[in-house]
Amino acid sequence: MQYAAHIDDPKLTKNQSLVLSVLQSSDQPLSAYTILDRLRDDGLKAPLQIYRALDKLLEAGRIHRLESMNAFVVCCHSKHGQIHPRITAFEICEGCGKVNEFHDSRIEDALTRHARGSGFKIRATTIEVHGLCGDCR
């Protein structure tokens, strides 16, 4: 399947646009190797090409890495042009694999207060909550 590079964002290279397009078209998190498999027909042949694009998309806040799954998803905030919160949380369904990104200011406030109390400076936080979504329960 050929993926159209998103030309509407001049800050993205062709490879970054292709990787972002694959992630946007998926309803589940994808590993780097799954992305590579989907983009072979578009000229991407080496894992390093995918990892470079993923690194830049992560740095730009366009995607997230789900550590527990070693997979990537599109940031829901970047889809809507919103400012991304410092603390990101994900509900990950163990039944169907769907991922829901959410932000709760109470969680962020509690973690910020705790860090401040111990003298710790939070750079970034990702919370992954595993369980079953409403459809799978």
Protein backbone atom coordinates (compact mmCIF):
# COMPACT_ATOMS: atom_id res chain seq x y z
CA MET A 1 0.00 0.00 0.00
CA GLN A 2 1.38 3.40 -0.95
CA TYR A 3 1.15 6.18 1.63
CA ALA A 4 0.84 9.81 0.66
CA ALA A 5 3.37 12.08 2.30
CA HIS A 6 1.74 15.01 4.06
CA ILE A 7 3.14 17.97 2.17
CA ASP A 8 1.08 20.42 4.26
CA ASP A 9 3.76 20.48 6.97
CA PRO A 10 6.95 21.93 5.49
CA LYS A 11 8.85 21.10 8.69
CA LEU A 12 8.64 17.38 7.96
CA THR A 13 10.91 15.49 5.59
CA LYS A 14 9.41 13.03 3.12
CA ASN A 15 10.34 10.07 5.36
CA GLN A 16 8.89 11.76 8.45
CA SER A 17 5.68 12.51 6.55
CA LEU A 18 5.41 8.92 5.37
CA VAL A 19 5.97 7.51 8.86
CA LEU A 20 3.43 9.95 10.32
CA SER A 21 0.94 8.99 7.62
CA VAL A 22 1.28 5.29 8.47
CA LEU A 23 0.72 6.01 12.15
CA GLN A 24 -2.27 8.23 11.40
CA SER A 25 -3.86 5.50 9.29
CA SER A 26 -3.56 2.89 12.06
CA ASP A 27 -6.06 2.40 14.85
CA GLN A 28 -3.41 0.63 16.95
CA PRO A 29 0.17 1.36 18.02
CA LEU A 30 2.82 0.22 15.53
CA SER A 31 6.36 -1.01 16.02
CA ALA A 32 9.18 0.46 13.95
CA TYR A 33 9.44 -2.78 11.99
CA THR A 34 5.72 -2.82 11.22
CA ILE A 35 6.06 0.75 9.94
CA LEU A 36 9.04 -0.32 7.83
CA ASP A 37 7.06 -3.23 6.35
CA ARG A 38 4.24 -0.87 5.39
CA LEU A 39 6.60 1.61 3.75
CA ARG A 40 8.81 -0.72 1.71
CA ASP A 41 6.82 0.06 -1.46
CA ASP A 42 7.43 3.77 -0.81
CA GLY A 43 11.20 3.33 -0.95
CA LEU A 44 12.03 2.97 2.72
CA LYS A 45 14.17 -0.13 3.07
CA ALA A 46 16.32 0.30 6.20
CA PRO A 47 15.32 0.35 9.86
CA LEU A 48 17.61 3.36 10.37
CA GLN A 49 15.40 5.41 8.02
CA ILE A 50 12.37 4.64 10.18
CA TYR A 51 14.15 5.23 13.49
CA ARG A 52 15.49 8.61 12.33
CA ALA A 53 12.00 9.70 11.27
CA LEU A 54 10.49 8.42 14.54
CA ASP A 55 13.13 10.25 16.60
CA LYS A 56 12.35 13.55 14.85
CA LEU A 57 8.58 13.04 15.19
CA LEU A 58 9.03 12.28 18.90
CA GLU A 59 11.20 15.37 19.32
CA ALA A 60 8.57 17.49 17.55
CA GLY A 61 5.80 16.12 19.82
CA ARG A 62 3.87 14.63 16.90
CA ILE A 63 3.98 11.04 18.21
CA HIS A 64 4.48 9.09 21.44
CA ARG A 65 6.41 5.94 22.21
CA LEU A 66 4.58 3.41 24.34
CA GLU A 67 7.45 1.91 26.32
CA SER A 68 5.63 -1.21 27.46
CA MET A 69 4.73 -2.13 23.87
CA ASN A 70 7.83 -0.75 22.12
CA ALA A 71 5.39 0.89 19.71
CA PHE A 72 4.38 4.33 18.50
CA VAL A 73 1.10 6.29 18.27
CA VAL A 74 0.14 9.71 16.94
CA CYS A 75 -0.22 12.38 19.62
CA CYS A 76 -3.88 13.35 19.89
CA HIS A 77 -2.86 16.91 20.82
CA SER A 78 -0.80 17.40 17.66
CA LYS A 79 -3.79 16.31 15.56
CA HIS A 80 -5.79 19.27 16.85
CA GLY A 81 -2.97 21.83 17.10
CA GLN A 82 -3.16 21.89 20.90
CA ILE A 83 -0.28 22.55 23.25
CA HIS A 84 0.93 19.26 24.62
CA PRO A 85 0.82 18.74 28.40
CA ARG A 86 3.99 17.72 30.25
CA ILE A 87 2.36 14.59 31.59
CA THR A 88 0.73 12.20 29.15
CA ALA A 89 -1.35 9.20 30.08
CA PHE A 90 -2.57 6.28 27.98
CA GLU A 91 -5.24 3.66 28.49
CA ILE A 92 -4.08 0.54 26.65
CA CYS A 93 -6.66 -2.19 26.07
CA GLU A 94 -5.19 -5.67 26.41
CA GLY A 95 -8.15 -7.10 24.50
CA CYS A 96 -8.35 -5.15 21.25
CA GLY A 97 -5.13 -3.12 21.43
CA LYS A 98 -6.81 0.29 21.24
CA VAL A 99 -4.95 3.16 22.89
CA ASN A 100 -6.61 6.23 24.34
CA GLU A 101 -4.43 9.25 25.17
CA PHE A 102 -5.73 11.49 27.92
CA HIS A 103 -4.68 14.30 30.20
CA ASP A 104 -5.88 14.97 33.72
CA SER A 105 -4.66 18.14 35.39
CA ARG A 106 -5.23 16.59 38.85
CA ILE A 107 -2.69 13.85 38.07
CA GLU A 108 -0.24 16.41 36.71
CA ASP A 109 -0.71 18.65 39.77
CA ALA A 110 -0.19 15.74 42.19
CA LEU A 111 3.00 14.59 40.45
CA THR A 112 4.29 18.16 40.22
CA ARG A 113 3.68 18.74 43.95
CA HIS A 114 5.41 15.48 44.83
CA ALA A 115 8.41 16.28 42.63
CA ARG A 116 8.67 19.81 43.98
CA GLY A 117 8.62 18.44 47.54
CA SER A 118 11.55 16.15 46.83
CA GLY A 119 13.46 18.69 44.76
CA PHE A 120 12.99 16.71 41.56
CA LYS A 121 12.46 18.52 38.24
CA ILE A 122 10.11 16.67 35.90
CA ARG A 123 11.22 16.75 32.27
CA ALA A 124 8.54 14.44 30.89
CA THR A 125 6.20 11.78 32.19
CA THR A 126 4.28 9.06 30.41
CA ILE A 127 1.77 6.95 32.29
CA GLU A 128 0.56 3.70 30.76
CA VAL A 129 -2.55 2.08 32.22
CA HIS A 130 -3.24 -1.46 30.99
CA GLY A 131 -6.65 -3.11 31.20
CA LEU A 132 -9.81 -3.64 29.15
CA CYS A 133 -11.76 -0.95 27.32
CA GLY A 134 -15.53 -0.66 27.63
CA ASP A 135 -16.10 -2.68 24.44
CA CYS A 136 -13.87 -5.57 25.57
CA ARG A 137 -15.19 -5.76 29.13
